[in-house]
Amino acid sequence: WLFPWGDNYDATRANVGENQRFPGTTPVNATPLDVSESGVFNLVGNVQEFIRGSRVSENSTWRVGKGADWQDQGFFWAIGSNEVHIGLEHSAEEIGFRCVVEKDSQGGQR
């Protein structure tokens, strides 16, 4: 799927720039339709998220961000293959992170 809920984009499901209902970041439960099949909320909008790993280009190291934030065009930035490079010293209200626990194929924690 292109988006957590399927291949058809719907800005009304998420806190993104095309959805004028939200003036800034929101609590997780503010967009109950921006949820993946696995039950993960806000993968399309609200804040961009740092992901594990970094990239090196032009002699600089960058953190990698995914997803759209509340100001972005969700149709473009929420597609899973897109990423943004964020400077190591950069911080902003539209960038966050997500704490997760990885599980192995038997359901145990790694």
PDB file of N, CA and C in Angstrom:
ATOM      1  N   TRP A   1       0.821  -1.187   0.000  1.00  0.00           N
ATOM      2  CA  TRP A   1       0.000   0.000   0.000  1.00  0.00           C
ATOM      3  C   TRP A   1       0.862   1.246   0.000  1.00  0.00           C
ATOM      4  N   LEU A   2       0.368   2.302  -0.635  1.00  0.00           N
ATOM      5  CA  LEU A   2       1.079   3.580  -0.626  1.00  0.00           C
ATOM      6  C   LEU A   2       0.922   4.309   0.703  1.00  0.00           C
ATOM      7  N   PHE A   3      -0.214   4.133   1.337  1.00  0.00           N
ATOM      8  CA  PHE A   3      -0.529   4.797   2.603  1.00  0.00           C
ATOM      9  C   PHE A   3      -0.922   3.720   3.617  1.00  0.00           C
ATOM     10  N   PRO A   4      -0.878   4.013   4.901  1.00  0.00           N
ATOM     11  CA  PRO A   4      -1.158   2.977   5.897  1.00  0.00           C
ATOM     12  C   PRO A   4      -2.517   2.297   5.750  1.00  0.00           C
ATOM     13  N   TRP A   5      -3.494   2.998   5.196  1.00  0.00           N
ATOM     14  CA  TRP A   5      -4.852   2.455   5.083  1.00  0.00           C
ATOM     15  C   TRP A   5      -5.158   1.916   3.693  1.00  0.00           C
ATOM     16  N   GLY A   6      -4.248   2.042   2.740  1.00  0.00           N
ATOM     17  CA  GLY A   6      -4.478   1.553   1.384  1.00  0.00           C
ATOM     18  C   GLY A   6      -3.803   2.434   0.350  1.00  0.00           C
ATOM     19  N   ASP A   7      -4.188   2.287  -0.910  1.00  0.00           N
ATOM     20  CA  ASP A   7      -3.549   3.041  -1.995  1.00  0.00           C
ATOM     21  C   ASP A   7      -4.230   4.362  -2.317  1.00  0.00           C
ATOM     22  N   ASN A   8      -5.414   4.609  -1.776  1.00  0.00           N
ATOM     23  CA  ASN A   8      -6.133   5.843  -2.075  1.00  0.00           C
ATOM     24  C   ASN A   8      -5.900   6.878  -0.985  1.00  0.00           C
ATOM     25  N   TYR A   9      -5.377   8.029  -1.393  1.00  0.00           N
ATOM     26  CA  TYR A   9      -5.072   9.087  -0.438  1.00  0.00           C
ATOM     27  C   TYR A   9      -6.338   9.833  -0.055  1.00  0.00           C
ATOM     28  N   ASP A  10      -6.475  10.120   1.235  1.00  0.00           N
ATOM     29  CA  ASP A  10      -7.620  10.875   1.753  1.00  0.00           C
ATOM     30  C   ASP A  10      -7.110  11.793   2.856  1.00  0.00           C
ATOM     31  N   ALA A  11      -6.931  13.077   2.544  1.00  0.00           N
ATOM     32  CA  ALA A  11      -6.374  14.043   3.489  1.00  0.00           C
ATOM     33  C   ALA A  11      -7.241  14.215   4.731  1.00  0.00           C
ATOM     34  N   THR A  12      -8.525  13.886   4.645  1.00  0.00           N
ATOM     35  CA  THR A  12      -9.379  14.053   5.819  1.00  0.00           C
ATOM     36  C   THR A  12      -9.078  13.024   6.910  1.00  0.00           C
ATOM     37  N   ARG A  13      -8.295  12.003   6.592  1.00  0.00           N
ATOM     38  CA  ARG A  13      -7.944  10.969   7.575  1.00  0.00           C
ATOM     39  C   ARG A  13      -6.784  11.378   8.469  1.00  0.00           C
ATOM     40  N   ALA A  14      -6.029  12.432   8.084  1.00  0.00           N
ATOM     41  CA  ALA A  14      -4.767  12.717   8.761  1.00  0.00           C
ATOM     42  C   ALA A  14      -4.591  14.201   9.074  1.00  0.00           C
ATOM     43  N   ASN A  15      -3.675  14.500   9.956  1.00  0.00           N
ATOM     44  CA  ASN A  15      -3.310  15.873  10.292  1.00  0.00           C
ATOM     45  C   ASN A  15      -2.185  16.304   9.351  1.00  0.00           C
ATOM     46  N   VAL A  16      -2.579  16.766   8.177  1.00  0.00           N
ATOM     47  CA  VAL A  16      -1.641  17.202   7.131  1.00  0.00           C
ATOM     48  C   VAL A  16      -2.068  18.576   6.614  1.00  0.00           C
ATOM     49  N   GLY A  17      -1.202  19.193   5.843  1.00  0.00           N
ATOM     50  CA  GLY A  17      -1.460  20.536   5.353  1.00  0.00           C
ATOM     51  C   GLY A  17      -2.740  20.689   4.558  1.00  0.00           C
ATOM     52  N   GLU A  18      -3.140  19.654   3.826  1.00  0.00           N
ATOM     53  CA  GLU A  18      -4.356  19.738   3.025  1.00  0.00           C
ATOM     54  C   GLU A  18      -5.625  19.683   3.871  1.00  0.00           C
ATOM     55  N   ASN A  19      -5.516  19.270   5.118  1.00  0.00           N
ATOM     56  CA  ASN A  19      -6.650  19.163   6.023  1.00  0.00           C
ATOM     57  C   ASN A  19      -6.605  20.356   6.977  1.00  0.00           C
ATOM     58  N   GLN A  20      -7.368  21.366   6.698  1.00  0.00           N
ATOM     59  CA  GLN A  20      -7.346  22.617   7.472  1.00  0.00           C
ATOM     60  C   GLN A  20      -8.013  22.510   8.842  1.00  0.00           C
ATOM     61  N   ARG A  21      -8.467  21.316   9.200  1.00  0.00           N
ATOM     62  CA  ARG A  21      -9.129  21.112  10.481  1.00  0.00           C
ATOM     63  C   ARG A  21      -8.184  21.278  11.669  1.00  0.00           C
ATOM     64  N   PHE A  22      -6.873  21.102  11.439  1.00  0.00           N
ATOM     65  CA  PHE A  22      -5.902  21.133  12.529  1.00  0.00           C
ATOM     66  C   PHE A  22      -4.925  22.288  12.363  1.00  0.00           C
ATOM     67  N   PRO A  23      -4.750  23.131  13.394  1.00  0.00           N
ATOM     68  CA  PRO A  23      -3.834  24.273  13.311  1.00  0.00           C
ATOM     69  C   PRO A  23      -2.403  23.951  13.744  1.00  0.00           C
ATOM     70  N   GLY A  24      -2.152  22.724  14.184  1.00  0.00           N
ATOM     71  CA  GLY A  24      -0.823  22.341  14.675  1.00  0.00           C
ATOM     72  C   GLY A  24      -0.817  20.867  15.017  1.00  0.00           C
ATOM     73  N   THR A  25       0.144  20.451  15.828  1.00  0.00           N
ATOM     74  CA  THR A  25       0.209  19.048  16.221  1.00  0.00           C
ATOM     75  C   THR A  25      -0.986  18.700  17.102  1.00  0.00           C
ATOM     76  N   THR A  26      -1.315  17.421  17.126  1.00  0.00           N
ATOM     77  CA  THR A  26      -2.492  16.955  17.858  1.00  0.00           C
ATOM     78  C   THR A  26      -2.172  15.684  18.640  1.00  0.00           C
ATOM     79  N   PRO A  27      -3.007  15.339  19.626  1.00  0.00           N
ATOM     80  CA  PRO A  27      -2.845  14.047  20.308  1.00  0.00           C
ATOM     81  C   PRO A  27      -3.069  12.902  19.321  1.00  0.00           C
ATOM     82  N   VAL A  28      -2.518  11.755  19.632  1.00  0.00           N
ATOM     83  CA  VAL A  28      -2.615  10.592  18.737  1.00  0.00           C
ATOM     84  C   VAL A  28      -4.054  10.284  18.358  1.00  0.00           C
ATOM     85  N   ASN A  29      -4.969  10.328  19.293  1.00  0.00           N
ATOM     86  CA  ASN A  29      -6.353   9.925  19.015  1.00  0.00           C
ATOM     87  C   ASN A  29      -7.173  10.971  18.269  1.00  0.00           C
ATOM     88  N   ALA A  30      -6.568  12.094  17.878  1.00  0.00           N
ATOM     89  CA  ALA A  30      -7.297  13.131  17.139  1.00  0.00           C
ATOM     90  C   ALA A  30      -7.605  12.707  15.706  1.00  0.00           C
ATOM     91  N   THR A  31      -6.886  11.740  15.184  1.00  0.00           N
ATOM     92  CA  THR A  31      -7.098  11.274  13.810  1.00  0.00           C
ATOM     93  C   THR A  31      -7.235   9.748  13.811  1.00  0.00           C
ATOM     94  N   PRO A  32      -8.368   9.243  14.263  1.00  0.00           N
ATOM     95  CA  PRO A  32      -8.533   7.790  14.390  1.00  0.00           C
ATOM     96  C   PRO A  32      -8.546   7.033  13.068  1.00  0.00           C
ATOM     97  N   LEU A  33      -8.636   7.731  11.943  1.00  0.00           N
ATOM     98  CA  LEU A  33      -8.606   7.046  10.648  1.00  0.00           C
ATOM     99  C   LEU A  33      -7.216   7.019  10.028  1.00  0.00           C
ATOM    100  N   ASP A  34      -6.242   7.715  10.647  1.00  0.00           N
ATOM    101  CA  ASP A  34      -4.851   7.663  10.199  1.00  0.00           C
ATOM    102  C   ASP A  34      -4.166   6.544  10.973  1.00  0.00           C
ATOM    103  N   VAL A  35      -4.554   5.320  10.641  1.00  0.00           N
ATOM    104  CA  VAL A  35      -4.053   4.146  11.356  1.00  0.00           C
ATOM    105  C   VAL A  35      -3.757   3.027  10.361  1.00  0.00           C
ATOM    106  N   SER A  36      -2.690   2.302  10.617  1.00  0.00           N
ATOM    107  CA  SER A  36      -2.303   1.205   9.729  1.00  0.00           C
ATOM    108  C   SER A  36      -3.079  -0.063  10.075  1.00  0.00           C
ATOM    109  N   GLU A  37      -2.930  -1.056   9.240  1.00  0.00           N
ATOM    110  CA  GLU A  37      -3.547  -2.355   9.470  1.00  0.00           C
ATOM    111  C   GLU A  37      -3.048  -2.978  10.777  1.00  0.00           C
ATOM    112  N   SER A  38      -1.833  -2.601  11.193  1.00  0.00           N
ATOM    113  CA  SER A  38      -1.245  -3.115  12.440  1.00  0.00           C
ATOM    114  C   SER A  38      -1.631  -2.290  13.659  1.00  0.00           C
ATOM    115  N   GLY A  39      -2.438  -1.240  13.466  1.00  0.00           N
ATOM    116  CA  GLY A  39      -2.883  -0.417  14.576  1.00  0.00           C
ATOM    117  C   GLY A  39      -1.939   0.719  14.939  1.00  0.00           C
ATOM    118  N   VAL A  40      -1.034   1.076  14.051  1.00  0.00           N
ATOM    119  CA  VAL A  40      -0.094   2.168  14.309  1.00  0.00           C
ATOM    120  C   VAL A  40      -0.720   3.478  13.829  1.00  0.00           C
ATOM    121  N   PHE A  41      -0.790   4.473  14.718  1.00  0.00           N
ATOM    122  CA  PHE A  41      -1.424   5.748  14.422  1.00  0.00           C
ATOM    123  C   PHE A  41      -0.439   6.771  13.863  1.00  0.00           C
ATOM    124  N   ASN A  42      -0.975   7.722  13.107  1.00  0.00           N
ATOM    125  CA  ASN A  42      -0.260   8.921  12.637  1.00  0.00           C
ATOM    126  C   ASN A  42       0.982   8.643  11.801  1.00  0.00           C
ATOM    127  N   LEU A  43       0.919   7.654  10.932  1.00  0.00           N
ATOM    128  CA  LEU A  43       2.042   7.414  10.039  1.00  0.00           C
ATOM    129  C   LEU A  43       2.033   8.379   8.860  1.00  0.00           C
ATOM    130  N   VAL A  44       0.898   8.970   8.559  1.00  0.00           N
ATOM    131  CA  VAL A  44       0.818   9.926   7.461  1.00  0.00           C
ATOM    132  C   VAL A  44       1.067  11.339   7.944  1.00  0.00           C
ATOM    133  N   GLY A  45       0.432  11.747   9.023  1.00  0.00           N
ATOM    134  CA  GLY A  45       0.513  13.146   9.423  1.00  0.00           C
ATOM    135  C   GLY A  45       0.898  13.352  10.864  1.00  0.00           C
ATOM    136  N   ASN A  46       0.725  14.570  11.306  1.00  0.00           N
ATOM    137  CA  ASN A  46       0.998  15.084  12.636  1.00  0.00           C
ATOM    138  C   ASN A  46       2.442  15.559  12.724  1.00  0.00           C
ATOM    139  N   VAL A  47       3.419  14.665  12.871  1.00  0.00           N
ATOM    140  CA  VAL A  47       4.836  15.058  12.863  1.00  0.00           C
ATOM    141  C   VAL A  47       5.624  14.079  12.003  1.00  0.00           C
ATOM    142  N   GLN A  48       6.698  14.582  11.369  1.00  0.00           N
ATOM    143  CA  GLN A  48       7.653  13.683  10.735  1.00  0.00           C
ATOM    144  C   GLN A  48       8.380  12.951  11.847  1.00  0.00           C
ATOM    145  N   GLU A  49       8.867  11.762  11.544  1.00  0.00           N
ATOM    146  CA  GLU A  49       9.542  10.984  12.575  1.00  0.00           C
ATOM    147  C   GLU A  49      10.931  10.576  12.144  1.00  0.00           C
ATOM    148  N   PHE A  50      11.857  10.704  13.103  1.00  0.00           N
ATOM    149  CA  PHE A  50      13.176  10.126  12.887  1.00  0.00           C
ATOM    150  C   PHE A  50      13.018   8.622  12.805  1.00  0.00           C
ATOM    151  N   ILE A  51      13.788   7.995  11.941  1.00  0.00           N
ATOM    152  CA  ILE A  51      13.818   6.539  11.908  1.00  0.00           C
ATOM    153  C   ILE A  51      15.231   6.086  12.231  1.00  0.00           C
ATOM    154  N   ARG A  52      15.385   4.829  12.526  1.00  0.00           N
ATOM    155  CA  ARG A  52      16.698   4.295  12.865  1.00  0.00           C
ATOM    156  C   ARG A  52      17.647   4.482  11.690  1.00  0.00           C
ATOM    157  N   GLY A  53      18.846   4.856  12.001  1.00  0.00           N
ATOM    158  CA  GLY A  53      19.859   4.995  10.976  1.00  0.00           C
ATOM    159  C   GLY A  53      20.104   6.429  10.567  1.00  0.00           C
ATOM    160  N   SER A  54      21.096   6.593   9.761  1.00  0.00           N
ATOM    161  CA  SER A  54      21.452   7.914   9.246  1.00  0.00           C
ATOM    162  C   SER A  54      22.027   7.743   7.847  1.00  0.00           C
ATOM    163  N   ARG A  55      22.240   8.845   7.170  1.00  0.00           N
ATOM    164  CA  ARG A  55      22.817   8.840   5.828  1.00  0.00           C
ATOM    165  C   ARG A  55      24.011   9.788   5.818  1.00  0.00           C
ATOM    166  N   VAL A  56      24.976   9.480   4.988  1.00  0.00           N
ATOM    167  CA  VAL A  56      26.121  10.366   4.804  1.00  0.00           C
ATOM    168  C   VAL A  56      26.112  10.812   3.353  1.00  0.00           C
ATOM    169  N   SER A  57      26.132  12.125   3.145  1.00  0.00           N
ATOM    170  CA  SER A  57      26.228  12.671   1.795  1.00  0.00           C
ATOM    171  C   SER A  57      26.975  13.990   1.857  1.00  0.00           C
ATOM    172  N   GLU A  58      27.765  14.246   0.861  1.00  0.00           N
ATOM    173  CA  GLU A  58      28.537  15.489   0.784  1.00  0.00           C
ATOM    174  C   GLU A  58      29.261  15.778   2.095  1.00  0.00           C
ATOM    175  N   ASN A  59      29.902  14.751   2.662  1.00  0.00           N
ATOM    176  CA  ASN A  59      30.694  14.868   3.891  1.00  0.00           C
ATOM    177  C   ASN A  59      29.884  15.303   5.108  1.00  0.00           C
ATOM    178  N   SER A  60      28.579  15.116   5.092  1.00  0.00           N
ATOM    179  CA  SER A  60      27.736  15.429   6.236  1.00  0.00           C
ATOM    180  C   SER A  60      26.914  14.203   6.613  1.00  0.00           C
ATOM    181  N   THR A  61      26.620  14.077   7.884  1.00  0.00           N
ATOM    182  CA  THR A  61      25.765  12.990   8.355  1.00  0.00           C
ATOM    183  C   THR A  61      24.391  13.565   8.662  1.00  0.00           C
ATOM    184  N   TRP A  62      23.365  12.868   8.204  1.00  0.00           N
ATOM    185  CA  TRP A  62      21.982  13.314   8.344  1.00  0.00           C
ATOM    186  C   TRP A  62      21.160  12.234   9.016  1.00  0.00           C
ATOM    187  N   ARG A  63      20.226  12.636   9.835  1.00  0.00           N
ATOM    188  CA  ARG A  63      19.211  11.703  10.329  1.00  0.00           C
ATOM    189  C   ARG A  63      18.141  11.590   9.242  1.00  0.00           C
ATOM    190  N   VAL A  64      17.465  10.490   9.245  1.00  0.00           N
ATOM    191  CA  VAL A  64      16.435  10.243   8.244  1.00  0.00           C
ATOM    192  C   VAL A  64      15.064  10.407   8.884  1.00  0.00           C
ATOM    193  N   GLY A  65      14.196  11.175   8.228  1.00  0.00           N
ATOM    194  CA  GLY A  65      12.828  11.358   8.682  1.00  0.00           C
ATOM    195  C   GLY A  65      11.857  10.790   7.669  1.00  0.00           C
ATOM    196  N   LYS A  66      10.724  10.339   8.145  1.00  0.00           N
ATOM    197  CA  LYS A  66       9.671   9.791   7.294  1.00  0.00           C
ATOM    198  C   LYS A  66       8.339  10.410   7.665  1.00  0.00           C
ATOM    199  N   GLY A  67       7.443  10.412   6.710  1.00  0.00           N
ATOM    200  CA  GLY A  67       6.080  10.866   6.945  1.00  0.00           C
ATOM    201  C   GLY A  67       5.910  12.361   6.746  1.00  0.00           C
ATOM    202  N   ALA A  68       4.664  12.771   6.718  1.00  0.00           N
ATOM    203  CA  ALA A  68       4.322  14.188   6.580  1.00  0.00           C
ATOM    204  C   ALA A  68       4.038  14.754   7.960  1.00  0.00           C
ATOM    205  N   ASP A  69       4.212  16.057   8.092  1.00  0.00           N
ATOM    206  CA  ASP A  69       3.799  16.699   9.337  1.00  0.00           C
ATOM    207  C   ASP A  69       2.543  17.519   9.073  1.00  0.00           C
ATOM    208  N   TRP A  70       2.052  18.191  10.083  1.00  0.00           N
ATOM    209  CA  TRP A  70       0.779  18.912   9.998  1.00  0.00           C
ATOM    210  C   TRP A  70       0.799  20.060   9.004  1.00  0.00           C
ATOM    211  N   GLN A  71       1.976  20.476   8.538  1.00  0.00           N
ATOM    212  CA  GLN A  71       2.078  21.566   7.570  1.00  0.00           C
ATOM    213  C   GLN A  71       2.319  21.069   6.146  1.00  0.00           C
ATOM    214  N   ASP A  72       2.703  19.798   6.000  1.00  0.00           N
ATOM    215  CA  ASP A  72       3.147  19.256   4.710  1.00  0.00           C
ATOM    216  C   ASP A  72       2.006  18.760   3.838  1.00  0.00           C
ATOM    217  N   GLN A  73       2.350  18.592   2.574  1.00  0.00           N
ATOM    218  CA  GLN A  73       1.448  17.957   1.622  1.00  0.00           C
ATOM    219  C   GLN A  73       1.539  16.446   1.852  1.00  0.00           C
ATOM    220  N   GLY A  74       0.559  15.897   2.516  1.00  0.00           N
ATOM    221  CA  GLY A  74       0.575  14.490   2.870  1.00  0.00           C
ATOM    222  C   GLY A  74       0.641  13.559   1.682  1.00  0.00           C
ATOM    223  N   PHE A  75      -0.001  13.930   0.594  1.00  0.00           N
ATOM    224  CA  PHE A  75      -0.014  13.057  -0.579  1.00  0.00           C
ATOM    225  C   PHE A  75       1.394  12.722  -1.040  1.00  0.00           C
ATOM    226  N   PHE A  76       2.317  13.661  -0.930  1.00  0.00           N
ATOM    227  CA  PHE A  76       3.692  13.429  -1.359  1.00  0.00           C
ATOM    228  C   PHE A  76       4.547  12.821  -0.246  1.00  0.00           C
ATOM    229  N   TRP A  77       4.583  13.474   0.916  1.00  0.00           N
ATOM    230  CA  TRP A  77       5.523  13.090   1.960  1.00  0.00           C
ATOM    231  C   TRP A  77       5.133  11.838   2.717  1.00  0.00           C
ATOM    232  N   ALA A  78       3.891  11.437   2.686  1.00  0.00           N
ATOM    233  CA  ALA A  78       3.471  10.259   3.442  1.00  0.00           C
ATOM    234  C   ALA A  78       3.732   8.951   2.709  1.00  0.00           C
ATOM    235  N   ILE A  79       4.063   9.000   1.439  1.00  0.00           N
ATOM    236  CA  ILE A  79       4.373   7.771   0.705  1.00  0.00           C
ATOM    237  C   ILE A  79       5.623   7.159   1.325  1.00  0.00           C
ATOM    238  N   GLY A  80       5.544   5.898   1.673  1.00  0.00           N
ATOM    239  CA  GLY A  80       6.594   5.230   2.440  1.00  0.00           C
ATOM    240  C   GLY A  80       7.993   5.310   1.867  1.00  0.00           C
ATOM    241  N   SER A  81       8.130   5.415   0.548  1.00  0.00           N
ATOM    242  CA  SER A  81       9.467   5.439  -0.045  1.00  0.00           C
ATOM    243  C   SER A  81      10.151   6.800   0.076  1.00  0.00           C
ATOM    244  N   ASN A  82       9.423   7.834   0.413  1.00  0.00           N
ATOM    245  CA  ASN A  82      10.016   9.179   0.550  1.00  0.00           C
ATOM    246  C   ASN A  82      10.674   9.335   1.908  1.00  0.00           C
ATOM    247  N   GLU A  83      11.797  10.060   1.905  1.00  0.00           N
ATOM    248  CA  GLU A  83      12.457  10.369   3.161  1.00  0.00           C
ATOM    249  C   GLU A  83      13.061  11.761   3.070  1.00  0.00           C
ATOM    250  N   VAL A  84      13.255  12.364   4.228  1.00  0.00           N
ATOM    251  CA  VAL A  84      13.862  13.682   4.297  1.00  0.00           C
ATOM    252  C   VAL A  84      15.124  13.551   5.143  1.00  0.00           C
ATOM    253  N   HIS A  85      16.161  14.277   4.750  1.00  0.00           N
ATOM    254  CA  HIS A  85      17.401  14.283   5.529  1.00  0.00           C
ATOM    255  C   HIS A  85      17.380  15.484   6.456  1.00  0.00           C
ATOM    256  N   ILE A  86      17.586  15.235   7.748  1.00  0.00           N
ATOM    257  CA  ILE A  86      17.495  16.259   8.775  1.00  0.00           C
ATOM    258  C   ILE A  86      18.858  16.392   9.446  1.00  0.00           C
ATOM    259  N   GLY A  87      19.354  17.606   9.513  1.00  0.00           N
ATOM    260  CA  GLY A  87      20.653  17.843  10.140  1.00  0.00           C
ATOM    261  C   GLY A  87      20.682  17.375  11.585  1.00  0.00           C
ATOM    262  N   LEU A  88      21.829  16.903  12.051  1.00  0.00           N
ATOM    263  CA  LEU A  88      21.953  16.364  13.402  1.00  0.00           C
ATOM    264  C   LEU A  88      21.617  17.374  14.487  1.00  0.00           C
ATOM    265  N   GLU A  89      21.832  18.645  14.220  1.00  0.00           N
ATOM    266  CA  GLU A  89      21.573  19.680  15.222  1.00  0.00           C
ATOM    267  C   GLU A  89      20.189  20.312  15.081  1.00  0.00           C
ATOM    268  N   HIS A  90      19.418  19.891  14.094  1.00  0.00           N
ATOM    269  CA  HIS A  90      18.123  20.503  13.809  1.00  0.00           C
ATOM    270  C   HIS A  90      17.045  19.948  14.742  1.00  0.00           C
ATOM    271  N   SER A  91      16.219  20.838  15.252  1.00  0.00           N
ATOM    272  CA  SER A  91      15.029  20.414  15.997  1.00  0.00           C
ATOM    273  C   SER A  91      13.887  21.352  15.628  1.00  0.00           C
ATOM    274  N   ALA A  92      12.685  20.847  15.671  1.00  0.00           N
ATOM    275  CA  ALA A  92      11.514  21.641  15.318  1.00  0.00           C
ATOM    276  C   ALA A  92      10.278  20.929  15.843  1.00  0.00           C
ATOM    277  N   GLU A  93       9.210  21.680  16.034  1.00  0.00           N
ATOM    278  CA  GLU A  93       7.986  21.082  16.569  1.00  0.00           C
ATOM    279  C   GLU A  93       7.345  20.075  15.620  1.00  0.00           C
ATOM    280  N   GLU A  94       7.716  20.109  14.358  1.00  0.00           N
ATOM    281  CA  GLU A  94       7.121  19.175  13.404  1.00  0.00           C
ATOM    282  C   GLU A  94       7.934  17.890  13.243  1.00  0.00           C
ATOM    283  N   ILE A  95       8.947  17.688  14.079  1.00  0.00           N
ATOM    284  CA  ILE A  95       9.767  16.478  14.011  1.00  0.00           C
ATOM    285  C   ILE A  95       9.684  15.761  15.352  1.00  0.00           C
ATOM    286  N   GLY A  96       9.444  14.472  15.304  1.00  0.00           N
ATOM    287  CA  GLY A  96       9.348  13.685  16.519  1.00  0.00           C
ATOM    288  C   GLY A  96      10.010  12.333  16.345  1.00  0.00           C
ATOM    289  N   PHE A  97       9.681  11.429  17.210  1.00  0.00           N
ATOM    290  CA  PHE A  97      10.173  10.062  17.117  1.00  0.00           C
ATOM    291  C   PHE A  97       9.131   9.149  17.741  1.00  0.00           C
ATOM    292  N   ARG A  98       9.289   7.875  17.517  1.00  0.00           N
ATOM    293  CA  ARG A  98       8.326   6.894  18.017  1.00  0.00           C
ATOM    294  C   ARG A  98       9.115   5.807  18.733  1.00  0.00           C
ATOM    295  N   CYS A  99       8.698   5.453  19.915  1.00  0.00           N
ATOM    296  CA  CYS A  99       9.332   4.361  20.650  1.00  0.00           C
ATOM    297  C   CYS A  99       8.625   3.065  20.271  1.00  0.00           C
ATOM    298  N   VAL A 100       9.397   2.065  19.911  1.00  0.00           N
ATOM    299  CA  VAL A 100       8.814   0.782  19.512  1.00  0.00           C
ATOM    300  C   VAL A 100       9.604  -0.358  20.143  1.00  0.00           C
ATOM    301  N   VAL A 101       8.979  -1.497  20.190  1.00  0.00           N
ATOM    302  CA  VAL A 101       9.637  -2.721  20.601  1.00  0.00           C
ATOM    303  C   VAL A 101       9.522  -3.682  19.438  1.00  0.00           C
ATOM    304  N   GLU A 102      10.651  -4.162  18.954  1.00  0.00           N
ATOM    305  CA  GLU A 102      10.628  -5.118  17.856  1.00  0.00           C
ATOM    306  C   GLU A 102      10.338  -6.509  18.404  1.00  0.00           C
ATOM    307  N   LYS A 103       9.593  -7.282  17.636  1.00  0.00           N
ATOM    308  CA  LYS A 103       9.283  -8.640  18.025  1.00  0.00           C
ATOM    309  C   LYS A 103       9.793  -9.593  16.959  1.00  0.00           C
ATOM    310  N   ASP A 104      10.245 -10.752  17.398  1.00  0.00           N
ATOM    311  CA  ASP A 104      10.682 -11.756  16.431  1.00  0.00           C
ATOM    312  C   ASP A 104       9.455 -12.504  15.896  1.00  0.00           C
ATOM    313  N   SER A 105       9.667 -13.466  15.033  1.00  0.00           N
ATOM    314  CA  SER A 105       8.556 -14.160  14.375  1.00  0.00           C
ATOM    315  C   SER A 105       7.701 -14.953  15.348  1.00  0.00           C
ATOM    316  N   GLN A 106       8.229 -15.276  16.538  1.00  0.00           N
ATOM    317  CA  GLN A 106       7.447 -15.991  17.542  1.00  0.00           C
ATOM    318  C   GLN A 106       6.752 -15.042  18.517  1.00  0.00           C
ATOM    319  N   GLY A 107       6.883 -13.735  18.323  1.00  0.00           N
ATOM    320  CA  GLY A 107       6.228 -12.757  19.186  1.00  0.00           C
ATOM    321  C   GLY A 107       7.061 -12.316  20.369  1.00  0.00           C
ATOM    322  N   GLY A 108       8.289 -12.816  20.483  1.00  0.00           N
ATOM    323  CA  GLY A 108       9.169 -12.393  21.560  1.00  0.00           C
ATOM    324  C   GLY A 108       9.881 -11.099  21.222  1.00  0.00           C
ATOM    325  N   GLN A 109      10.287 -10.369  22.244  1.00  0.00           N
ATOM    326  CA  GLN A 109      11.003  -9.106  22.029  1.00  0.00           C
ATOM    327  C   GLN A 109      12.438  -9.364  21.613  1.00  0.00           C
ATOM    328  N   ARG A 110      12.953  -8.469  20.739  1.00  0.00           N
ATOM    329  CA  ARG A 110      14.366  -8.539  20.345  1.00  0.00           C
ATOM    330  C   ARG A 110      15.148  -7.542  21.124  1.00  0.00           C
TER     331      ARG A 110
END
